[in-house]
Amino acid sequence: MSQAELRLERMALADMPPLQQLTAIERLFLTRTPITDLTPLAGLTQLRVLGLRLTRVSDVSPLAALTALESLILSFTPVADVAPLARLTGLRSLYLTGCLVADISPLAGLTGLTRLDLGGTRVSDLRPLADLTELASLQLSSTEVVDLLPLAGLSRLRVLELGDTAVRDLSPLVGLTTLQRLDVRGTKVADDAVLSRLDGCEIVSGATFRRARRRAG
C-alpha cells in the first residue's frame, strides 16, 4: 500500500487516525466504518478516490470542495441529497447504489462521468442525464425509471442495467451503436423488433438465464 492510499475498512472510530490530518492522502476507503460526520474530510483536497460504502453517512456537504475527486463510492448509505456533489466536475465514477436519492438534477453538470450507479434508488426522472455523453456504464436496476428517452443521445454508452424496472419501451436505445450489454431481467420488455436492431449488443433477460440453465442441465 502506498502512502497515498489508506484503507480503514471496518475500523472503530476510536482506532482511526485523525482524518483531518491526512492531507496528502489521494485514496481513502472507510467502508463499513461507523463514520457519520464527514467534516474532518473537508480539507483533504488531494483526494481522488473516496470509499464510504455501507457507512451511516447522510450529509455529503463537507465533500463539496474536494474538486480533485475522480471516484466517489456512496453505495448503501442513507444519502438522499446529492446537491453538494454538483461542484465535483472532475468525477469520473459515482456509485449511489442503494441510497435514498430521488432527485439527480444536481448531477446534470457532471459531464465527465463515465460510470454512474443508481441501482436501488428512488430515481424516476432521467432528464438530468441527457448531456452526460461520456457515460459508458449506467446502472438503473430496481429504480422507478420508465422513460428512457433522455438516454437517446448517450452515444458512448456500452453497458445499461435496467433489471426490475417498469421499462417497456426500448426504442430510444436504437441509435446507441456502442451498446454492448443490456440487462432487462425482471422487466416487461417484449419488443423483439427493437431488440433485434441492437446489433452487437448482448441482451440479458430472464429467458437468457432459463436457456442457460437448460443447457447446463
C-alpha atoms as a PDB file:
ATOM      1  CA  MET A   1       0.000   0.000   0.000  1.00  0.00           C
ATOM      2  CA  SER A   2       1.391   3.393  -0.940  1.00  0.00           C
ATOM      3  CA  GLN A   3       1.366   6.328   1.448  1.00  0.00           C
ATOM      4  CA  ALA A   4      -1.158   7.942  -0.876  1.00  0.00           C
ATOM      5  CA  GLU A   5      -3.727   5.211  -0.076  1.00  0.00           C
ATOM      6  CA  LEU A   6      -5.280   4.386   3.251  1.00  0.00           C
ATOM      7  CA  ARG A   7      -7.793   1.626   3.943  1.00  0.00           C
ATOM      8  CA  LEU A   8      -9.624   1.805   7.253  1.00  0.00           C
ATOM      9  CA  GLU A   9     -12.441  -0.635   6.470  1.00  0.00           C
ATOM     10  CA  ARG A  10     -14.428  -1.885   9.491  1.00  0.00           C
ATOM     11  CA  MET A  11     -12.283   0.156  11.863  1.00  0.00           C
ATOM     12  CA  ALA A  12     -13.777   1.672  15.021  1.00  0.00           C
ATOM     13  CA  LEU A  13     -13.726   5.453  15.200  1.00  0.00           C
ATOM     14  CA  ALA A  14     -11.556   5.337  18.303  1.00  0.00           C
ATOM     15  CA  ASP A  15      -8.891   3.417  16.379  1.00  0.00           C
ATOM     16  CA  MET A  16      -8.741   5.750  13.383  1.00  0.00           C
ATOM     17  CA  PRO A  17      -6.005   8.322  12.869  1.00  0.00           C
ATOM     18  CA  PRO A  18      -7.160  11.975  12.899  1.00  0.00           C
ATOM     19  CA  LEU A  19      -8.694  12.146   9.434  1.00  0.00           C
ATOM     20  CA  GLN A  20      -8.276  15.896   9.092  1.00  0.00           C
ATOM     21  CA  GLN A  21      -4.502  15.422   9.224  1.00  0.00           C
ATOM     22  CA  LEU A  22      -4.374  13.099   6.200  1.00  0.00           C
ATOM     23  CA  THR A  23      -3.829  15.986   3.796  1.00  0.00           C
ATOM     24  CA  ALA A  24      -1.562  14.027   1.422  1.00  0.00           C
ATOM     25  CA  ILE A  25      -3.951  11.091   1.011  1.00  0.00           C
ATOM     26  CA  GLU A  26      -5.250  10.502  -2.518  1.00  0.00           C
ATOM     27  CA  ARG A  27      -7.293   7.322  -1.947  1.00  0.00           C
ATOM     28  CA  LEU A  28      -9.226   6.777   1.262  1.00  0.00           C
ATOM     29  CA  PHE A  29     -11.535   3.839   1.997  1.00  0.00           C
ATOM     30  CA  LEU A  30     -13.821   3.926   5.045  1.00  0.00           C
ATOM     31  CA  THR A  31     -16.106   1.038   4.086  1.00  0.00           C
ATOM     32  CA  ARG A  32     -18.266  -0.372   6.911  1.00  0.00           C
ATOM     33  CA  THR A  33     -16.975   2.087   9.474  1.00  0.00           C
ATOM     34  CA  PRO A  34     -19.327   3.904  11.906  1.00  0.00           C
ATOM     35  CA  ILE A  35     -18.430   7.314  10.491  1.00  0.00           C
ATOM     36  CA  THR A  36     -21.376   9.727  10.170  1.00  0.00           C
ATOM     37  CA  ASP A  37     -19.738  13.156  10.030  1.00  0.00           C
ATOM     38  CA  LEU A  38     -17.560  13.957   7.012  1.00  0.00           C
ATOM     39  CA  THR A  39     -16.419  17.348   8.303  1.00  0.00           C
ATOM     40  CA  PRO A  40     -12.882  16.064   9.038  1.00  0.00           C
ATOM     41  CA  LEU A  41     -12.513  15.255   5.330  1.00  0.00           C
ATOM     42  CA  ALA A  42     -13.376  18.753   4.115  1.00  0.00           C
ATOM     43  CA  GLY A  43      -9.717  19.803   3.886  1.00  0.00           C
ATOM     44  CA  LEU A  44      -8.411  16.682   2.136  1.00  0.00           C
ATOM     45  CA  THR A  45      -8.170  18.432  -1.197  1.00  0.00           C
ATOM     46  CA  GLN A  46      -5.794  15.839  -2.700  1.00  0.00           C
ATOM     47  CA  LEU A  47      -8.383  13.063  -2.503  1.00  0.00           C
ATOM     48  CA  ARG A  48      -9.052  11.411  -5.855  1.00  0.00           C
ATOM     49  CA  VAL A  49     -10.906   8.290  -4.616  1.00  0.00           C
ATOM     50  CA  LEU A  50     -13.172   8.126  -1.571  1.00  0.00           C
ATOM     51  CA  GLY A  51     -14.976   4.984  -0.477  1.00  0.00           C
ATOM     52  CA  LEU A  52     -17.851   5.334   2.006  1.00  0.00           C
ATOM     53  CA  ARG A  53     -19.831   2.214   1.123  1.00  0.00           C
ATOM     54  CA  LEU A  54     -22.004   0.783   3.901  1.00  0.00           C
ATOM     55  CA  THR A  55     -21.453   3.676   6.286  1.00  0.00           C
ATOM     56  CA  ARG A  56     -24.029   5.816   8.104  1.00  0.00           C
ATOM     57  CA  VAL A  57     -23.142   8.970   6.226  1.00  0.00           C
ATOM     58  CA  SER A  58     -26.179  11.005   5.128  1.00  0.00           C
ATOM     59  CA  ASP A  59     -24.774  14.535   4.689  1.00  0.00           C
ATOM     60  CA  VAL A  60     -22.203  14.874   1.899  1.00  0.00           C
ATOM     61  CA  SER A  61     -21.915  18.668   2.039  1.00  0.00           C
ATOM     62  CA  PRO A  62     -18.379  18.537   3.542  1.00  0.00           C
ATOM     63  CA  LEU A  63     -17.234  16.983   0.248  1.00  0.00           C
ATOM     64  CA  ALA A  64     -18.293  19.962  -1.864  1.00  0.00           C
ATOM     65  CA  ALA A  65     -14.790  21.457  -2.001  1.00  0.00           C
ATOM     66  CA  LEU A  66     -12.993  18.194  -2.856  1.00  0.00           C
ATOM     67  CA  THR A  67     -12.796  19.051  -6.536  1.00  0.00           C
ATOM     68  CA  ALA A  68      -9.933  16.607  -7.201  1.00  0.00           C
ATOM     69  CA  LEU A  69     -12.274  13.645  -6.611  1.00  0.00           C
ATOM     70  CA  GLU A  70     -12.500  11.274  -9.563  1.00  0.00           C
ATOM     71  CA  SER A  71     -14.338   8.383  -7.912  1.00  0.00           C
ATOM     72  CA  LEU A  72     -16.862   8.558  -5.088  1.00  0.00           C
ATOM     73  CA  ILE A  73     -18.454   5.458  -3.586  1.00  0.00           C
ATOM     74  CA  LEU A  74     -21.575   6.123  -1.504  1.00  0.00           C
ATOM     75  CA  SER A  75     -23.374   2.831  -2.105  1.00  0.00           C
ATOM     76  CA  PHE A  76     -25.726   1.608   0.622  1.00  0.00           C
ATOM     77  CA  THR A  77     -25.633   4.766   2.689  1.00  0.00           C
ATOM     78  CA  PRO A  78     -28.658   6.875   3.751  1.00  0.00           C
ATOM     79  CA  VAL A  79     -27.648   9.725   1.416  1.00  0.00           C
ATOM     80  CA  ALA A  80     -30.702  11.407  -0.122  1.00  0.00           C
ATOM     81  CA  ASP A  81     -29.441  14.844  -1.171  1.00  0.00           C
ATOM     82  CA  VAL A  82     -26.700  14.911  -3.815  1.00  0.00           C
ATOM     83  CA  ALA A  83     -26.788  18.679  -4.374  1.00  0.00           C
ATOM     84  CA  PRO A  84     -23.364  19.159  -2.703  1.00  0.00           C
ATOM     85  CA  LEU A  85     -21.816  16.970  -5.411  1.00  0.00           C
ATOM     86  CA  ALA A  86     -22.682  19.432  -8.185  1.00  0.00           C
ATOM     87  CA  ARG A  87     -19.283  21.132  -7.900  1.00  0.00           C
ATOM     88  CA  LEU A  88     -17.334  17.881  -8.279  1.00  0.00           C
ATOM     89  CA  THR A  89     -16.963  18.221 -12.023  1.00  0.00           C
ATOM     90  CA  GLY A  90     -13.862  16.029 -12.087  1.00  0.00           C
ATOM     91  CA  LEU A  91     -15.820  12.931 -11.094  1.00  0.00           C
ATOM     92  CA  ARG A  92     -15.455  10.009 -13.483  1.00  0.00           C
ATOM     93  CA  SER A  93     -17.351   7.417 -11.445  1.00  0.00           C
ATOM     94  CA  LEU A  94     -20.138   7.845  -8.914  1.00  0.00           C
ATOM     95  CA  TYR A  95     -21.699   4.949  -7.026  1.00  0.00           C
ATOM     96  CA  LEU A  96     -25.080   5.642  -5.377  1.00  0.00           C
ATOM     97  CA  THR A  97     -26.477   2.104  -5.366  1.00  0.00           C
ATOM     98  CA  GLY A  98     -28.993   1.571  -2.576  1.00  0.00           C
ATOM     99  CA  CYS A  99     -29.061   5.225  -1.500  1.00  0.00           C
ATOM    100  CA  LEU A 100     -32.238   7.223  -0.782  1.00  0.00           C
ATOM    101  CA  VAL A 101     -31.685   9.515  -3.764  1.00  0.00           C
ATOM    102  CA  ALA A 102     -34.688  10.526  -5.885  1.00  0.00           C
ATOM    103  CA  ASP A 103     -33.612  13.830  -7.436  1.00  0.00           C
ATOM    104  CA  ILE A 104     -30.492  13.584  -9.621  1.00  0.00           C
ATOM    105  CA  SER A 105     -30.761  17.046 -11.164  1.00  0.00           C
ATOM    106  CA  PRO A 106     -27.591  18.187  -9.305  1.00  0.00           C
ATOM    107  CA  LEU A 107     -25.648  15.653 -11.375  1.00  0.00           C
ATOM    108  CA  ALA A 108     -26.557  17.288 -14.679  1.00  0.00           C
ATOM    109  CA  GLY A 109     -23.280  19.212 -14.844  1.00  0.00           C
ATOM    110  CA  LEU A 110     -21.010  16.249 -14.122  1.00  0.00           C
ATOM    111  CA  THR A 111     -20.256  15.800 -17.800  1.00  0.00           C
ATOM    112  CA  GLY A 112     -17.053  13.847 -17.208  1.00  0.00           C
ATOM    113  CA  LEU A 113     -18.845  10.881 -15.642  1.00  0.00           C
ATOM    114  CA  THR A 114     -18.131   7.585 -17.380  1.00  0.00           C
ATOM    115  CA  ARG A 115     -19.816   5.352 -14.791  1.00  0.00           C
ATOM    116  CA  LEU A 116     -22.938   6.076 -12.758  1.00  0.00           C
ATOM    117  CA  ASP A 117     -24.593   3.521 -10.494  1.00  0.00           C
ATOM    118  CA  LEU A 118     -28.139   4.388  -9.375  1.00  0.00           C
ATOM    119  CA  GLY A 119     -29.483   0.887  -8.788  1.00  0.00           C
ATOM    120  CA  GLY A 120     -31.945   0.556  -5.936  1.00  0.00           C
ATOM    121  CA  THR A 121     -32.523   4.294  -5.613  1.00  0.00           C
ATOM    122  CA  ARG A 122     -35.808   6.205  -5.906  1.00  0.00           C
ATOM    123  CA  VAL A 123     -34.823   7.793  -9.213  1.00  0.00           C
ATOM    124  CA  SER A 124     -37.517   8.052 -11.880  1.00  0.00           C
ATOM    125  CA  ASP A 125     -36.594  11.093 -13.989  1.00  0.00           C
ATOM    126  CA  LEU A 126     -33.541  10.598 -16.217  1.00  0.00           C
ATOM    127  CA  ARG A 127     -33.635  14.001 -17.911  1.00  0.00           C
ATOM    128  CA  PRO A 128     -30.640  15.286 -15.889  1.00  0.00           C
ATOM    129  CA  LEU A 129     -28.501  12.619 -17.584  1.00  0.00           C
ATOM    130  CA  ALA A 130     -29.231  13.759 -21.135  1.00  0.00           C
ATOM    131  CA  ASP A 131     -25.972  15.707 -21.508  1.00  0.00           C
ATOM    132  CA  LEU A 132     -23.693  13.198 -19.767  1.00  0.00           C
ATOM    133  CA  THR A 133     -22.387  11.987 -23.094  1.00  0.00           C
ATOM    134  CA  GLU A 134     -19.218  10.412 -21.670  1.00  0.00           C
ATOM    135  CA  LEU A 135     -21.237   7.784 -19.795  1.00  0.00           C
ATOM    136  CA  ALA A 136     -20.138   4.276 -20.695  1.00  0.00           C
ATOM    137  CA  SER A 137     -21.847   2.362 -17.876  1.00  0.00           C
ATOM    138  CA  LEU A 138     -25.219   3.177 -16.308  1.00  0.00           C
ATOM    139  CA  GLN A 139     -26.865   1.100 -13.594  1.00  0.00           C
ATOM    140  CA  LEU A 140     -30.604   1.704 -13.182  1.00  0.00           C
ATOM    141  CA  SER A 141     -31.812  -1.658 -11.866  1.00  0.00           C
ATOM    142  CA  SER A 142     -34.591  -1.591  -9.248  1.00  0.00           C
ATOM    143  CA  THR A 143     -35.342   2.097  -9.767  1.00  0.00           C
ATOM    144  CA  GLU A 144     -38.629   3.812 -10.652  1.00  0.00           C
ATOM    145  CA  VAL A 145     -37.452   4.588 -14.175  1.00  0.00           C
ATOM    146  CA  VAL A 146     -39.920   4.132 -17.040  1.00  0.00           C
ATOM    147  CA  ASP A 147     -38.932   6.593 -19.782  1.00  0.00           C
ATOM    148  CA  LEU A 148     -35.557   6.041 -21.481  1.00  0.00           C
ATOM    149  CA  LEU A 149     -35.848   8.909 -23.969  1.00  0.00           C
ATOM    150  CA  PRO A 150     -33.268  11.070 -22.114  1.00  0.00           C
ATOM    151  CA  LEU A 151     -30.659   8.376 -22.823  1.00  0.00           C
ATOM    152  CA  ALA A 152     -31.061   8.563 -26.595  1.00  0.00           C
ATOM    153  CA  GLY A 153     -28.026  10.819 -27.032  1.00  0.00           C
ATOM    154  CA  LEU A 154     -25.586   8.889 -24.835  1.00  0.00           C
ATOM    155  CA  SER A 155     -23.508   7.776 -27.789  1.00  0.00           C
ATOM    156  CA  ARG A 156     -20.699   6.204 -25.728  1.00  0.00           C
ATOM    157  CA  LEU A 157     -22.919   4.012 -23.564  1.00  0.00           C
ATOM    158  CA  ARG A 158     -21.696   0.406 -23.528  1.00  0.00           C
ATOM    159  CA  VAL A 159     -23.459  -1.129 -20.505  1.00  0.00           C
ATOM    160  CA  LEU A 160     -27.024  -0.393 -19.380  1.00  0.00           C
ATOM    161  CA  GLU A 161     -28.686  -2.211 -16.482  1.00  0.00           C
ATOM    162  CA  LEU A 162     -32.489  -1.960 -16.382  1.00  0.00           C
ATOM    163  CA  GLY A 163     -33.391  -5.069 -14.387  1.00  0.00           C
ATOM    164  CA  ASP A 164     -36.525  -4.968 -12.219  1.00  0.00           C
ATOM    165  CA  THR A 165     -37.810  -1.671 -13.577  1.00  0.00           C
ATOM    166  CA  ALA A 166     -41.124  -0.780 -15.229  1.00  0.00           C
ATOM    167  CA  VAL A 167     -39.385  -0.020 -18.528  1.00  0.00           C
ATOM    168  CA  ARG A 168     -41.256  -1.354 -21.574  1.00  0.00           C
ATOM    169  CA  ASP A 169     -40.137   0.841 -24.482  1.00  0.00           C
ATOM    170  CA  LEU A 170     -36.542   0.376 -25.617  1.00  0.00           C
ATOM    171  CA  SER A 171     -36.886   2.352 -28.829  1.00  0.00           C
ATOM    172  CA  PRO A 172     -34.819   5.313 -27.512  1.00  0.00           C
ATOM    173  CA  LEU A 173     -31.821   2.957 -27.416  1.00  0.00           C
ATOM    174  CA  VAL A 174     -31.876   2.006 -31.093  1.00  0.00           C
ATOM    175  CA  GLY A 175     -29.321   4.667 -32.060  1.00  0.00           C
ATOM    176  CA  LEU A 176     -26.827   3.677 -29.354  1.00  0.00           C
ATOM    177  CA  THR A 177     -24.447   1.761 -31.598  1.00  0.00           C
ATOM    178  CA  THR A 178     -21.798   1.325 -28.888  1.00  0.00           C
ATOM    179  CA  LEU A 179     -24.148  -0.582 -26.549  1.00  0.00           C
ATOM    180  CA  GLN A 180     -22.574  -3.948 -25.717  1.00  0.00           C
ATOM    181  CA  ARG A 181     -24.684  -5.205 -22.801  1.00  0.00           C
ATOM    182  CA  LEU A 182     -28.314  -4.544 -21.929  1.00  0.00           C
ATOM    183  CA  ASP A 183     -29.863  -6.164 -18.862  1.00  0.00           C
ATOM    184  CA  VAL A 184     -33.665  -6.294 -18.923  1.00  0.00           C
ATOM    185  CA  ARG A 185     -34.225  -9.080 -16.400  1.00  0.00           C
ATOM    186  CA  GLY A 186     -37.431  -8.643 -14.429  1.00  0.00           C
ATOM    187  CA  THR A 187     -38.920  -6.141 -16.882  1.00  0.00           C
ATOM    188  CA  LYS A 188     -41.898  -6.451 -19.221  1.00  0.00           C
ATOM    189  CA  VAL A 189     -39.841  -5.615 -22.303  1.00  0.00           C
ATOM    190  CA  ALA A 190     -41.152  -7.722 -25.162  1.00  0.00           C
ATOM    191  CA  ASP A 191     -40.374  -5.710 -28.275  1.00  0.00           C
ATOM    192  CA  ASP A 192     -38.339  -8.176 -30.304  1.00  0.00           C
ATOM    193  CA  ALA A 193     -38.300  -5.772 -33.247  1.00  0.00           C
ATOM    194  CA  VAL A 194     -36.361  -3.219 -31.197  1.00  0.00           C
ATOM    195  CA  LEU A 195     -34.098  -5.805 -29.583  1.00  0.00           C
ATOM    196  CA  SER A 196     -33.147  -7.192 -32.984  1.00  0.00           C
ATOM    197  CA  ARG A 197     -31.939  -3.748 -34.049  1.00  0.00           C
ATOM    198  CA  LEU A 198     -29.426  -3.545 -31.213  1.00  0.00           C
ATOM    199  CA  ASP A 199     -26.667  -5.117 -33.298  1.00  0.00           C
ATOM    200  CA  GLY A 200     -23.717  -6.490 -31.369  1.00  0.00           C
ATOM    201  CA  CYS A 201     -25.426  -5.984 -28.013  1.00  0.00           C
ATOM    202  CA  GLU A 202     -25.752  -8.844 -25.514  1.00  0.00           C
ATOM    203  CA  ILE A 203     -29.333  -8.863 -24.233  1.00  0.00           C
ATOM    204  CA  VAL A 204     -29.595 -10.282 -20.714  1.00  0.00           C
ATOM    205  CA  SER A 205     -33.140 -11.331 -19.825  1.00  0.00           C
ATOM    206  CA  GLY A 206     -34.988 -13.927 -17.808  1.00  0.00           C
ATOM    207  CA  ALA A 207     -35.205 -16.041 -20.948  1.00  0.00           C
ATOM    208  CA  THR A 208     -31.420 -15.860 -21.351  1.00  0.00           C
ATOM    209  CA  PHE A 209     -30.905 -17.418 -17.940  1.00  0.00           C
ATOM    210  CA  ARG A 210     -33.610 -20.043 -18.404  1.00  0.00           C
ATOM    211  CA  ARG A 211     -31.906 -21.208 -21.619  1.00  0.00           C
ATOM    212  CA  ALA A 212     -28.511 -21.231 -19.866  1.00  0.00           C
ATOM    213  CA  ARG A 213     -29.877 -23.413 -17.050  1.00  0.00           C
ATOM    214  CA  ARG A 214     -31.390 -25.854 -19.542  1.00  0.00           C
ATOM    215  CA  ARG A 215     -28.075 -26.155 -21.364  1.00  0.00           C
ATOM    216  CA  ALA A 216     -26.224 -26.653 -18.071  1.00  0.00           C
ATOM    217  CA  GLY A 217     -28.698 -29.383 -17.101  1.00  0.00           C
END
